[in-house]
């Protein structure tokens, strides 16, 4: 059996309909793609009926993908221990240990052919949520997968992105209407609450498919546990801070635009949470509805033997105090009792890995898992000791957490830790803030049909094909139509004067920030500095001026096209 390297993208069929066994077949062309598995790759449940399944689902029209049998399967006991019909959360230590076991196994396969073979073997044995996560991380980080584009997670497991009611209608449409005649099914813009809930004014941002896909994808690129060569990326801890700070800045801009107060940090874990949240999502694999959080819910100590973890709210408070102490003493303690400085070069990176905490944390025993366990304390507040056999709410999943208003309040608390650290750093010097003999003379924004230096946003409807995520339904495309915020395309023109007498290279960063606060009063720069949103960043060459009498004006034009949130 030979392997054609050009067929590497066939591995993407492993993402299709993750709850359907591979024996059924995959692809969009009416079951024309199947993996030709060795007989012992079938799960135990299907081995006794292997011949019957082959007769039922094989076809002369299908494209068979050969699968190389592995002579030595890696130790997957931990990965396979997670309930196949249960939930999966990266915040739960047991769950992420299972995922790490699977990622390690994927990454250690010496060839792509072996990697694909192991993916086939594991697919119908693993929890599908964990499997999709681990397979995605491996594809993003294996050198032999660089040309393989990941499918949109919203297409693979759409139940985490939209109203559960749409799936009943989709199955009806798929069963009764031919593929060529199916109509897109519209997802209401207001399906999780009404305008009686003040927080619902910004639900369009929190429940946006694009922003939630971003959060999912960021944690694929920057997993906080796994093989060291995957986790230990340059400035990883700092980027944990910066990504979430940017999300908060944008969210607060949306709040101010909708006459809401800026997000209040959730730093008193003993006080009731006034914001309720009812996600209206279903977890099909786990056969349950995502638990809601009622108004004025309170947090409790967690004792979740089912997921093999327990902690007290006092633990979170101690970890927070120890981190603040480390900031004020400008150093952190290692397990051996040594002190590592939180200096201007590496301090925020060390702090970010501690706060999250990743397996790069300098001392997890002392500084704990403040960020991750804070998510869990909120996610399990409805059933802290598992007496009702409930699983976590949306805050327990990186794919769904941003839908909940409390996500932003919790992250304002996390962000405040980094702001406390930044207060300890010396101010930038004049030389650090200047680019000698380079001067910006003018900045201008233009967009067709819009007054100069103004931006325009509007509602747009887009379609997403969910056929690869609708298990056990007839094949063929079926679309969901959702409404999301969009902006008109615009161009930024920057006139730069280069008086150095030589060609220079520089980095341009463009930021946007609100100018007025909740009272419509102009903000001070101290208030405004945490609300700047980075719109763009790029490198430019600055030509030298033509002669000594005239400055050279370089018009840097950066076109921002229509950027849809369609995944």
Protein backbone atom coordinates (compact mmCIF):
# COMPACT_ATOMS: atom_id res chain seq x y z
CA UNK A 1 0.00 0.00 0.00
CA UNK A 2 1.52 3.33 -1.06
CA UNK A 3 0.80 6.77 0.37
CA UNK A 4 0.43 9.81 -1.89
CA UNK A 5 1.57 12.98 -0.07
CA UNK A 6 -0.88 15.03 -2.16
CA UNK A 7 -3.72 13.23 -0.36
CA UNK A 8 -2.83 14.66 3.04
CA UNK A 9 -5.94 16.81 3.16
CA UNK A 10 -7.96 13.59 3.37
CA UNK A 11 -7.28 13.71 7.10
CA UNK A 12 -9.83 16.53 7.28
CA UNK A 13 -12.59 13.94 6.72
CA UNK A 14 -11.90 12.85 10.30
CA UNK A 15 -13.65 16.07 11.38
CA UNK A 16 -16.86 15.26 9.48
CA UNK A 17 -19.85 14.38 11.66
CA UNK A 18 -17.80 13.57 14.75
CA UNK A 19 -20.50 11.48 16.41
CA UNK A 20 -21.00 9.24 13.37
CA UNK A 21 -18.66 6.20 13.17
CA UNK A 22 -16.14 6.27 10.34
CA UNK A 23 -17.64 3.13 8.86
CA UNK A 24 -20.63 5.17 7.65
CA UNK A 25 -18.46 7.22 5.34
CA UNK A 26 -17.67 10.92 5.07
CA UNK A 27 -17.64 13.81 2.66
CA UNK A 28 -20.26 15.96 0.99
CA UNK A 29 -20.83 13.79 -2.09
CA UNK A 30 -23.35 11.34 -0.68
CA UNK A 31 -21.01 9.06 1.27
CA UNK A 32 -18.35 8.80 -1.42
CA UNK A 33 -15.39 8.87 0.97
CA UNK A 34 -14.45 6.11 3.42
CA UNK A 35 -11.34 5.14 5.33
CA UNK A 36 -10.28 1.57 4.54
CA UNK A 37 -9.48 0.55 8.11
CA UNK A 38 -7.79 -2.62 9.33
CA UNK A 39 -10.36 -4.91 10.91
CA UNK A 40 -9.00 -4.44 14.44
CA UNK A 41 -9.38 -0.64 14.17
CA UNK A 42 -13.13 -0.99 14.59
CA UNK A 43 -14.36 -0.23 18.12
CA UNK A 44 -15.28 -3.38 20.07
CA UNK A 45 -19.00 -2.63 19.70
CA UNK A 46 -18.79 -2.96 15.90
CA UNK A 47 -16.29 -5.81 15.46
CA UNK A 48 -18.93 -8.59 15.69
CA UNK A 49 -20.95 -6.96 12.89
CA UNK A 50 -18.02 -5.84 10.74
CA UNK A 51 -19.14 -7.79 7.63
CA UNK A 52 -22.69 -6.49 7.89
CA UNK A 53 -21.47 -2.89 8.23
CA UNK A 54 -19.20 -3.34 5.22
CA UNK A 55 -22.09 -4.59 3.09
CA UNK A 56 -24.41 -1.82 4.23
CA UNK A 57 -22.10 1.15 3.84
CA UNK A 58 -19.64 0.22 1.10
CA UNK A 59 -20.21 1.41 -2.46
CA UNK A 60 -18.48 1.12 -5.81
CA UNK A 61 -18.88 4.88 -6.18
CA UNK A 62 -16.90 5.78 -3.06
CA UNK A 63 -13.32 6.94 -2.75
CA UNK A 64 -11.50 4.64 -0.32
CA UNK A 65 -8.72 6.23 1.71
CA UNK A 66 -6.11 3.60 2.64
CA UNK A 67 -5.13 3.42 6.30
CA UNK A 68 -1.78 1.93 7.27
CA UNK A 69 -2.02 -0.44 10.28
CA UNK A 70 0.26 0.65 13.10
CA UNK A 71 2.48 -2.11 14.44
CA UNK A 72 2.78 -0.51 17.88
CA UNK A 73 -0.05 1.58 19.23
CA UNK A 74 0.98 4.18 21.84
CA UNK A 75 -0.31 4.07 25.39
CA UNK A 76 -3.68 5.81 25.14
CA UNK A 77 -5.18 4.63 28.42
CA UNK A 78 -5.56 8.14 29.76
CA UNK A 79 -7.08 9.61 26.58
CA UNK A 80 -9.55 6.73 26.28
CA UNK A 81 -10.60 7.02 29.93
CA UNK A 82 -12.68 10.13 29.26
CA UNK A 83 -16.36 9.30 28.79
CA UNK A 84 -17.10 9.23 25.07
CA UNK A 85 -20.63 10.51 25.71
CA UNK A 86 -19.63 13.17 28.22
CA UNK A 87 -18.49 16.78 28.14
CA UNK A 88 -14.95 18.08 27.79
CA UNK A 89 -13.34 21.14 29.39
CA UNK A 90 -9.76 22.31 29.16
CA UNK A 91 -10.20 23.94 32.56
CA UNK A 92 -10.70 20.56 34.28
CA UNK A 93 -7.27 19.05 35.10
CA UNK A 94 -8.35 15.46 34.40
CA UNK A 95 -9.79 16.42 31.00
CA UNK A 96 -6.75 18.34 29.84
CA UNK A 97 -4.48 15.49 31.00
CA UNK A 98 -6.50 13.20 28.71
CA UNK A 99 -6.13 15.66 25.84
CA UNK A 100 -2.40 16.02 26.48
CA UNK A 101 -2.01 12.24 26.31
CA UNK A 102 -3.67 12.21 22.89
CA UNK A 103 -1.76 15.25 21.58
CA UNK A 104 1.53 13.67 22.66
CA UNK A 105 0.63 10.48 20.81
CA UNK A 106 -0.28 12.41 17.65
CA UNK A 107 2.88 14.52 17.74
CA UNK A 108 5.19 11.53 18.22
CA UNK A 109 4.08 9.70 15.08
CA UNK A 110 7.14 9.66 12.81
CA UNK A 111 5.31 10.05 9.50
CA UNK A 112 2.11 11.67 8.31
CA UNK A 113 0.83 8.25 7.30
CA UNK A 114 1.27 7.03 10.88
CA UNK A 115 -0.37 10.19 12.22
CA UNK A 116 -3.43 9.70 10.00
CA UNK A 117 -3.60 6.03 10.95
CA UNK A 118 -3.60 6.86 14.67
CA UNK A 119 -6.26 9.51 14.03
CA UNK A 120 -8.47 6.87 12.43
CA UNK A 121 -7.89 4.42 15.28
CA UNK A 122 -8.74 6.97 17.99
CA UNK A 123 -11.66 8.72 16.37
CA UNK A 124 -14.51 6.40 17.36
CA UNK A 125 -12.96 5.55 20.72
CA UNK A 126 -12.44 9.06 22.13
CA UNK A 127 -14.70 11.76 23.43
CA UNK A 128 -15.43 13.68 20.19
CA UNK A 129 -14.95 17.15 21.74
CA UNK A 130 -11.55 16.17 23.11
CA UNK A 131 -10.66 14.38 19.87
CA UNK A 132 -11.41 17.40 17.68
CA UNK A 133 -9.38 19.61 20.03
CA UNK A 134 -6.36 17.27 20.12
CA UNK A 135 -6.42 16.59 16.38
CA UNK A 136 -6.65 20.35 15.68
CA UNK A 137 -3.68 21.14 17.93
CA UNK A 138 -1.62 18.40 16.26
CA UNK A 139 -2.43 19.57 12.72
CA UNK A 140 -1.51 23.15 13.65
CA UNK A 141 1.84 22.10 15.09
CA UNK A 142 3.10 19.16 12.99
CA UNK A 143 5.61 20.24 10.34
CA UNK A 144 4.04 17.87 7.78
CA UNK A 145 0.61 19.56 8.16
CA UNK A 146 1.51 23.15 7.32
CA UNK A 147 -0.53 23.16 4.12
CA UNK A 148 -3.65 21.66 5.72
CA UNK A 149 -6.33 24.25 6.62
CA UNK A 150 -8.42 23.44 9.67
CA UNK A 151 -12.17 23.37 9.06
CA UNK A 152 -14.26 25.88 10.95
CA UNK A 153 -15.17 24.51 14.36
CA UNK A 154 -18.62 26.06 13.90
CA UNK A 155 -19.16 23.67 10.99
CA UNK A 156 -17.80 20.64 12.84
CA UNK A 157 -19.65 21.08 16.17
CA UNK A 158 -22.26 23.79 15.47
CA UNK A 159 -24.18 23.08 18.69
CA UNK A 160 -21.67 25.24 20.57
CA UNK A 161 -22.40 28.31 18.49
CA UNK A 162 -26.13 28.64 17.95
CA UNK A 163 -29.64 28.20 19.31
CA UNK A 164 -30.58 24.56 19.85
CA UNK A 165 -33.97 25.17 18.20
CA UNK A 166 -32.38 25.56 14.78
CA UNK A 167 -31.18 21.94 14.72
CA UNK A 168 -34.69 20.47 14.96
CA UNK A 169 -35.67 22.59 11.95
CA UNK A 170 -32.50 21.60 10.10
CA UNK A 171 -33.13 17.89 10.52
CA UNK A 172 -36.66 18.35 9.26
CA UNK A 173 -35.38 20.31 6.26
CA UNK A 174 -32.64 17.73 5.54
CA UNK A 175 -35.04 14.79 5.68
CA UNK A 176 -37.88 16.30 3.64
CA UNK A 177 -36.24 18.65 1.13
CA UNK A 178 -33.81 17.75 -1.67
CA UNK A 179 -30.34 19.31 -1.25
CA UNK A 180 -30.81 21.66 -4.20
CA UNK A 181 -34.05 23.11 -2.80
CA UNK A 182 -33.12 23.65 0.85
CA UNK A 183 -33.53 27.14 2.28
CA UNK A 184 -31.18 28.76 4.81
CA UNK A 185 -32.66 28.62 8.30
CA UNK A 186 -32.36 31.95 10.09
CA UNK A 187 -31.02 32.12 13.63
CA UNK A 188 -32.83 34.91 15.49
CA UNK A 189 -30.56 37.73 16.63
CA UNK A 190 -32.31 37.78 20.01
CA UNK A 191 -32.72 34.18 21.13
CA UNK A 192 -31.01 34.01 24.53
CA UNK A 193 -32.88 36.89 26.23
CA UNK A 194 -35.09 39.93 25.63
CA UNK A 195 -34.33 43.61 26.04
CA UNK A 196 -35.76 43.42 29.56
CA UNK A 197 -32.25 42.20 30.39
CA UNK A 198 -29.97 45.22 30.15
CA UNK A 199 -26.93 43.03 29.40
CA UNK A 200 -28.67 41.70 26.31
CA UNK A 201 -27.90 44.97 24.53
CA UNK A 202 -24.42 43.60 23.80
CA UNK A 203 -25.38 39.96 23.27
CA UNK A 204 -24.66 40.47 19.54
CA UNK A 205 -20.98 40.77 20.51
CA UNK A 206 -20.80 38.04 23.15
CA UNK A 207 -22.73 35.48 21.08
CA UNK A 208 -21.08 36.32 17.77
CA UNK A 209 -19.82 33.20 16.01
CA UNK A 210 -16.60 34.92 14.94
CA UNK A 211 -15.51 36.10 18.39
CA UNK A 212 -16.17 32.68 19.93
CA UNK A 213 -14.26 30.97 17.12
CA UNK A 214 -11.39 33.35 17.81
CA UNK A 215 -11.27 32.31 21.46
CA UNK A 216 -11.34 28.61 20.51
CA UNK A 217 -8.61 29.05 17.90
CA UNK A 218 -6.34 31.07 20.21
CA UNK A 219 -6.32 28.19 22.68
CA UNK A 220 -5.41 25.80 19.85
CA UNK A 221 -2.39 27.92 18.93
CA UNK A 222 -1.48 28.61 22.57
CA UNK A 223 -2.56 25.56 24.59
CA UNK A 224 -1.73 25.94 28.28
CA UNK A 225 -0.87 22.27 28.71
CA UNK A 226 0.69 19.74 26.35
CA UNK A 227 4.09 18.93 24.84
CA UNK A 228 6.60 21.56 25.93
CA UNK A 229 7.61 22.47 22.37
CA UNK A 230 3.97 23.35 21.64
CA UNK A 231 3.23 25.26 24.85
CA UNK A 232 6.54 27.11 25.24
CA UNK A 233 6.11 29.74 22.55
CA UNK A 234 7.84 33.11 22.56
CA UNK A 235 6.06 35.57 24.91
CA UNK A 236 3.21 33.14 25.45
CA UNK A 237 2.31 34.42 28.93
CA UNK A 238 2.36 38.02 27.74
CA UNK A 239 0.09 37.14 24.83
CA UNK A 240 -2.38 35.53 27.26
CA UNK A 241 -2.66 38.96 28.90
CA UNK A 242 -2.71 40.96 25.65
CA UNK A 243 -5.33 38.88 23.82
CA UNK A 244 -7.80 39.08 26.70
CA UNK A 245 -7.05 42.77 27.31
CA UNK A 246 -7.86 43.51 23.69
CA UNK A 247 -11.15 41.58 23.91
CA UNK A 248 -12.08 43.59 27.00
CA UNK A 249 -11.21 46.87 25.30
CA UNK A 250 -13.45 46.03 22.35
CA UNK A 251 -16.25 44.78 24.62
CA UNK A 252 -16.16 47.98 26.67
CA UNK A 253 -16.30 50.04 23.49
CA UNK A 254 -19.46 48.14 22.54
CA UNK A 255 -20.90 48.73 26.01
CA UNK A 256 -20.26 52.47 25.84
CA UNK A 257 -21.85 52.54 22.38
CA UNK A 258 -24.98 50.95 23.87
CA UNK A 259 -25.18 53.29 26.89
CA UNK A 260 -23.94 50.68 29.35
CA UNK A 261 -21.35 51.12 32.08
CA UNK A 262 -17.92 49.69 31.51
CA UNK A 263 -17.41 46.16 32.81
CA UNK A 264 -17.14 45.93 36.59
CA UNK A 265 -14.46 43.48 37.71
CA UNK A 266 -15.62 40.41 39.62
CA UNK A 267 -13.10 40.34 42.45
CA UNK A 268 -15.30 39.53 45.46
CA UNK A 269 -15.97 35.83 45.07
CA UNK A 270 -18.43 35.86 47.97
CA UNK A 271 -20.87 38.37 46.50
CA UNK A 272 -23.90 37.32 44.38
CA UNK A 273 -23.58 37.57 40.61
CA UNK A 274 -26.44 39.83 39.48
CA UNK A 275 -26.12 38.84 35.81
CA UNK A 276 -28.09 35.75 34.84
CA UNK A 277 -27.33 33.83 31.67
CA UNK A 278 -29.42 31.27 29.76
CA UNK A 279 -27.43 30.15 26.73
CA UNK A 280 -30.15 28.16 24.88
CA UNK A 281 -27.43 25.76 23.72
CA UNK A 282 -27.57 21.96 23.63
CA UNK A 283 -24.69 19.51 24.11
CA UNK A 284 -25.82 16.77 21.75
CA UNK A 285 -22.97 14.38 22.49
CA UNK A 286 -23.63 14.57 26.24
CA UNK A 287 -27.43 14.51 25.74
CA UNK A 288 -28.05 17.55 27.90
CA UNK A 289 -28.89 21.23 27.84
CA UNK A 290 -26.22 23.63 29.00
CA UNK A 291 -27.09 24.63 32.59
CA UNK A 292 -28.20 28.25 33.08
CA UNK A 293 -27.08 30.60 35.83
CA UNK A 294 -29.89 32.37 37.64
CA UNK A 295 -29.80 35.96 38.85
CA UNK A 296 -27.81 36.52 42.06
CA UNK A 297 -26.18 33.10 41.99
CA UNK A 298 -23.32 32.66 44.45
CA UNK A 299 -20.12 30.65 44.21
CA UNK A 300 -19.25 27.75 46.52
CA UNK A 301 -16.37 25.45 47.29
CA UNK A 302 -16.23 22.74 44.61
CA UNK A 303 -16.18 19.03 45.35
CA UNK A 304 -16.52 17.32 42.00
CA UNK A 305 -15.39 13.73 42.49
CA UNK A 306 -16.84 12.86 39.10
CA UNK A 307 -14.22 15.08 37.43
CA UNK A 308 -11.61 14.28 40.12
CA UNK A 309 -11.01 17.76 41.46
CA UNK A 310 -11.96 19.85 44.44
CA UNK A 311 -10.97 23.26 45.75
CA UNK A 312 -12.22 26.03 48.01
CA UNK A 313 -12.93 29.65 47.20
CA UNK A 314 -10.30 30.40 49.83
CA UNK A 315 -7.75 28.74 47.51
CA UNK A 316 -8.55 31.26 44.77
CA UNK A 317 -8.26 34.12 47.24
CA UNK A 318 -4.89 32.85 48.54
CA UNK A 319 -3.51 32.44 45.02
CA UNK A 320 -4.63 35.95 44.15
CA UNK A 321 -2.96 37.40 47.25
CA UNK A 322 0.28 35.50 46.60
CA UNK A 323 0.41 36.78 43.02
CA UNK A 324 -0.16 40.36 44.18
CA UNK A 325 2.58 39.91 46.78
CA UNK A 326 4.94 38.67 44.06
CA UNK A 327 4.15 41.79 42.02
CA UNK A 328 4.82 44.13 44.94
CA UNK A 329 8.07 42.37 45.85
CA UNK A 330 9.06 42.28 42.15
CA UNK A 331 9.90 38.57 42.28
CA UNK A 332 8.34 35.11 42.34
CA UNK A 333 9.37 32.08 44.37
CA UNK A 334 10.43 28.83 42.72
CA UNK A 335 9.67 25.42 44.29
CA UNK A 336 13.27 25.37 45.58
CA UNK A 337 12.84 28.71 47.34
CA UNK A 338 14.85 30.79 44.87
CA UNK A 339 13.52 34.19 43.74
CA UNK A 340 13.08 35.06 40.06
CA UNK A 341 12.71 38.78 39.31
CA UNK A 342 9.63 40.10 37.54
CA UNK A 343 11.79 42.42 35.50
CA UNK A 344 10.83 44.63 32.60
CA UNK A 345 11.96 42.07 30.00
CA UNK A 346 10.41 38.80 31.20
CA UNK A 347 8.17 39.76 34.11
CA UNK A 348 4.84 39.96 32.32
CA UNK A 349 5.53 36.68 30.50
CA UNK A 350 6.27 34.91 33.79
CA UNK A 351 3.17 36.50 35.32
CA UNK A 352 0.91 35.46 32.44
CA UNK A 353 1.92 31.82 32.66
CA UNK A 354 1.41 31.89 36.44
CA UNK A 355 -2.01 33.53 36.36
CA UNK A 356 -3.54 31.34 33.64
CA UNK A 357 -1.84 28.92 34.65
CA UNK A 358 -0.01 27.01 31.94
CA UNK A 359 2.42 24.18 32.53
CA UNK A 360 5.10 26.87 32.19
CA UNK A 361 4.02 28.29 35.56
CA UNK A 362 7.09 28.91 37.65
CA UNK A 363 5.47 27.46 40.79
CA UNK A 364 1.98 26.02 40.36
CA UNK A 365 1.96 24.64 43.89
CA UNK A 366 2.36 28.13 45.38
CA UNK A 367 0.52 30.32 42.85
CA UNK A 368 -2.13 27.81 41.83
CA UNK A 369 -4.57 28.04 38.93
CA UNK A 370 -6.36 31.31 39.54
CA UNK A 371 -7.69 31.89 36.02
CA UNK A 372 -8.65 28.32 35.18
CA UNK A 373 -10.26 27.45 38.50
CA UNK A 374 -12.10 30.78 38.52
CA UNK A 375 -13.76 29.63 35.30
CA UNK A 376 -14.69 26.35 37.00
CA UNK A 377 -16.03 27.99 40.17
CA UNK A 378 -18.45 29.98 38.01
CA UNK A 379 -19.19 27.11 35.61
CA UNK A 380 -20.24 24.75 38.43
CA UNK A 381 -21.96 27.24 40.74
CA UNK A 382 -25.34 25.59 39.98
CA UNK A 383 -24.15 22.16 41.20
CA UNK A 384 -20.87 22.49 43.14
CA UNK A 385 -20.90 18.99 44.67
CA UNK A 386 -22.53 17.09 41.77
CA UNK A 387 -25.61 16.16 43.78
CA UNK A 388 -27.81 16.87 40.75
CA UNK A 389 -25.45 15.17 38.27
CA UNK A 390 -25.19 18.42 36.30
CA UNK A 391 -22.16 19.30 34.22
CA UNK A 392 -20.50 22.66 33.72
CA UNK A 393 -22.16 25.75 32.24
CA UNK A 394 -20.76 27.79 29.34
CA UNK A 395 -17.92 29.31 31.42
CA UNK A 396 -16.38 25.84 31.55
CA UNK A 397 -15.65 25.69 27.81
CA UNK A 398 -13.31 27.99 25.88
CA UNK A 399 -15.66 27.72 22.89
CA UNK A 400 -18.68 29.07 24.77
CA UNK A 401 -17.31 31.10 27.70
CA UNK A 402 -17.35 34.44 25.89
CA UNK A 403 -21.13 34.24 25.53
CA UNK A 404 -21.62 34.88 29.25
CA UNK A 405 -21.43 38.43 30.72
CA UNK A 406 -19.54 37.06 33.73
CA UNK A 407 -16.65 36.07 31.44
CA UNK A 408 -15.79 39.74 30.98
CA UNK A 409 -16.23 40.59 34.66
CA UNK A 410 -13.92 37.71 35.64
CA UNK A 411 -11.35 38.76 33.07
CA UNK A 412 -11.48 42.37 34.26
CA UNK A 413 -10.32 40.93 37.57
CA UNK A 414 -7.56 38.95 35.83
CA UNK A 415 -6.61 42.00 33.76
CA UNK A 416 -6.40 44.11 36.91
CA UNK A 417 -3.56 41.88 38.12
CA UNK A 418 -1.54 42.76 35.03
CA UNK A 419 -2.37 46.45 35.44
CA UNK A 420 -1.07 46.24 39.02
CA UNK A 421 2.17 44.80 37.66
CA UNK A 422 2.47 47.47 34.99
CA UNK A 423 2.26 50.16 37.67
CA UNK A 424 5.55 48.85 39.07
CA UNK A 425 7.42 49.34 35.79
CA UNK A 426 9.37 52.54 35.05
CA UNK A 427 7.76 54.90 32.53
CA UNK A 428 8.95 54.85 28.93
CA UNK A 429 11.78 57.26 28.22
CA UNK A 430 11.69 59.89 25.47
CA UNK A 431 14.19 57.93 23.30
CA UNK A 432 12.02 54.81 23.65
CA UNK A 433 8.96 56.67 22.42
CA UNK A 434 10.56 58.54 19.53
CA UNK A 435 11.85 57.58 16.11
CA UNK A 436 14.60 60.10 15.37
CA UNK A 437 13.97 62.21 12.28
CA UNK A 438 10.84 60.23 11.41
CA UNK A 439 7.65 62.25 11.80
CA UNK A 440 3.99 61.48 11.14
CA UNK A 441 2.55 64.56 9.43
CA UNK A 442 -1.01 63.46 8.85
CA UNK A 443 -3.39 60.52 9.23
CA UNK A 444 -6.59 60.21 7.22
CA UNK A 445 -9.35 57.61 6.99
CA UNK A 446 -11.53 57.36 3.91
CA UNK A 447 -14.40 55.11 2.88
CA UNK A 448 -16.65 55.31 -0.19
CA UNK A 449 -19.82 57.31 0.49
CA UNK A 450 -18.82 58.14 4.09
CA UNK A 451 -17.50 61.50 5.39
CA UNK A 452 -13.74 61.71 5.85
CA UNK A 453 -12.36 60.20 9.08
CA UNK A 454 -15.57 58.38 9.91
CA UNK A 455 -16.23 54.64 10.09
CA UNK A 456 -19.52 52.92 9.41
CA UNK A 457 -20.88 49.69 10.91
CA UNK A 458 -24.06 47.85 10.05
CA UNK A 459 -25.85 44.52 10.45
CA UNK A 460 -25.07 41.84 7.90
CA UNK A 461 -26.51 38.38 7.36
CA UNK A 462 -24.21 35.50 6.39
CA UNK A 463 -24.72 31.79 5.78
CA UNK A 464 -22.74 28.88 7.14
CA UNK A 465 -23.00 25.30 5.86
CA UNK A 466 -23.58 22.98 8.82
CA UNK A 467 -23.89 19.68 6.92
CA UNK A 468 -20.58 18.31 8.25
CA UNK A 469 -21.76 18.83 11.82
CA UNK A 470 -25.27 17.36 11.62
CA UNK A 471 -24.80 13.75 12.66
CA UNK A 472 -27.15 11.04 11.37
CA UNK A 473 -29.00 13.23 8.88
CA UNK A 474 -29.20 13.03 5.07
CA UNK A 475 -26.19 14.47 3.24
CA UNK A 476 -26.10 17.64 1.23
CA UNK A 477 -25.60 21.30 2.18
CA UNK A 478 -27.87 22.88 4.76
CA UNK A 479 -27.30 26.46 5.83
CA UNK A 480 -27.87 28.52 8.94
CA UNK A 481 -28.22 32.27 8.43
CA UNK A 482 -27.03 34.51 11.23
CA UNK A 483 -26.90 38.27 11.77
CA UNK A 484 -23.64 39.89 12.83
CA UNK A 485 -21.96 43.25 13.07
CA UNK A 486 -19.99 44.33 10.00
CA UNK A 487 -18.12 47.44 8.89
CA UNK A 488 -17.76 49.26 5.60
CA UNK A 489 -14.33 48.86 3.95
CA UNK A 490 -11.98 51.76 4.65
CA UNK A 491 -8.48 52.95 3.85
CA UNK A 492 -5.98 54.51 6.24
CA UNK A 493 -3.50 56.96 4.69
CA UNK A 494 -0.50 58.03 6.80
CA UNK A 495 1.88 60.76 5.61
CA UNK A 496 5.34 60.19 7.07
CA UNK A 497 8.35 62.51 6.84
CA UNK A 498 11.75 60.76 6.72
CA UNK A 499 14.52 63.29 7.38
CA UNK A 500 17.27 60.78 8.22
CA UNK A 501 18.89 60.89 4.79
CA UNK A 502 18.65 57.13 4.44
CA UNK A 503 16.11 54.41 3.90
CA UNK A 504 14.55 53.27 7.19
CA UNK A 505 12.18 50.50 8.21
CA UNK A 506 9.43 50.96 10.75
CA UNK A 507 6.40 49.20 12.24
CA UNK A 508 3.01 50.90 12.04
CA UNK A 509 0.40 50.08 14.67
CA UNK A 510 -3.08 51.57 14.38
CA UNK A 511 -5.35 51.83 17.42
CA UNK A 512 -8.93 52.89 18.01
CA UNK A 513 -10.34 54.00 21.39
CA UNK A 514 -13.51 55.61 22.76
CA UNK A 515 -13.13 59.32 23.51
CA UNK A 516 -16.00 59.85 25.96
CA UNK A 517 -17.02 57.99 29.10
CA UNK A 518 -20.46 56.91 30.35
CA UNK A 519 -21.37 60.54 31.23
CA UNK A 520 -20.27 61.74 27.80
CA UNK A 521 -17.30 63.47 29.40
CA UNK A 522 -13.90 63.37 27.70
CA UNK A 523 -11.71 60.64 29.15
CA UNK A 524 -8.28 61.32 30.57
CA UNK A 525 -5.48 59.43 28.89
CA UNK A 526 -5.04 57.38 32.08
CA UNK A 527 -8.64 56.16 31.69
CA UNK A 528 -8.37 55.73 27.96
CA UNK A 529 -5.11 53.78 27.82
CA UNK A 530 -6.73 50.43 28.71
CA UNK A 531 -9.43 50.87 26.07
CA UNK A 532 -7.27 51.11 22.96
CA UNK A 533 -8.08 48.43 20.36
CA UNK A 534 -5.30 47.43 17.98
CA UNK A 535 -6.78 47.53 14.48
CA UNK A 536 -3.69 46.74 12.46
CA UNK A 537 0.06 46.20 12.58
CA UNK A 538 2.45 46.07 9.62
CA UNK A 539 6.04 46.83 8.61
CA UNK A 540 6.90 49.54 6.05
CA UNK A 541 9.99 50.80 4.27
CA UNK A 542 10.48 54.57 4.55
CA UNK A 543 12.47 55.91 1.55
CA UNK A 544 14.99 58.70 2.10
CA UNK A 545 13.96 62.21 1.09
CA UNK A 546 14.85 63.46 -2.39
CA UNK A 547 17.02 66.48 -1.37
CA UNK A 548 17.98 68.62 1.58
CA UNK A 549 15.38 71.29 0.83
CA UNK A 550 12.25 69.17 0.74
CA UNK A 551 10.94 66.48 3.08
CA UNK A 552 9.77 63.25 1.49
CA UNK A 553 6.14 62.46 2.31
CA UNK A 554 5.32 58.79 2.17
CA UNK A 555 1.65 57.99 1.88
CA UNK A 556 1.17 54.65 3.63
CA UNK A 557 -2.17 53.31 2.45
CA UNK A 558 -3.65 50.35 4.27
CA UNK A 559 -6.93 49.08 2.88
CA UNK A 560 -9.32 47.36 5.27
CA UNK A 561 -11.79 45.35 3.20
CA UNK A 562 -15.10 44.01 4.32
CA UNK A 563 -14.15 41.62 7.11
CA UNK A 564 -17.00 39.23 7.69
CA UNK A 565 -17.24 37.17 10.85
CA UNK A 566 -18.17 34.18 8.72
CA UNK A 567 -15.80 31.40 9.85
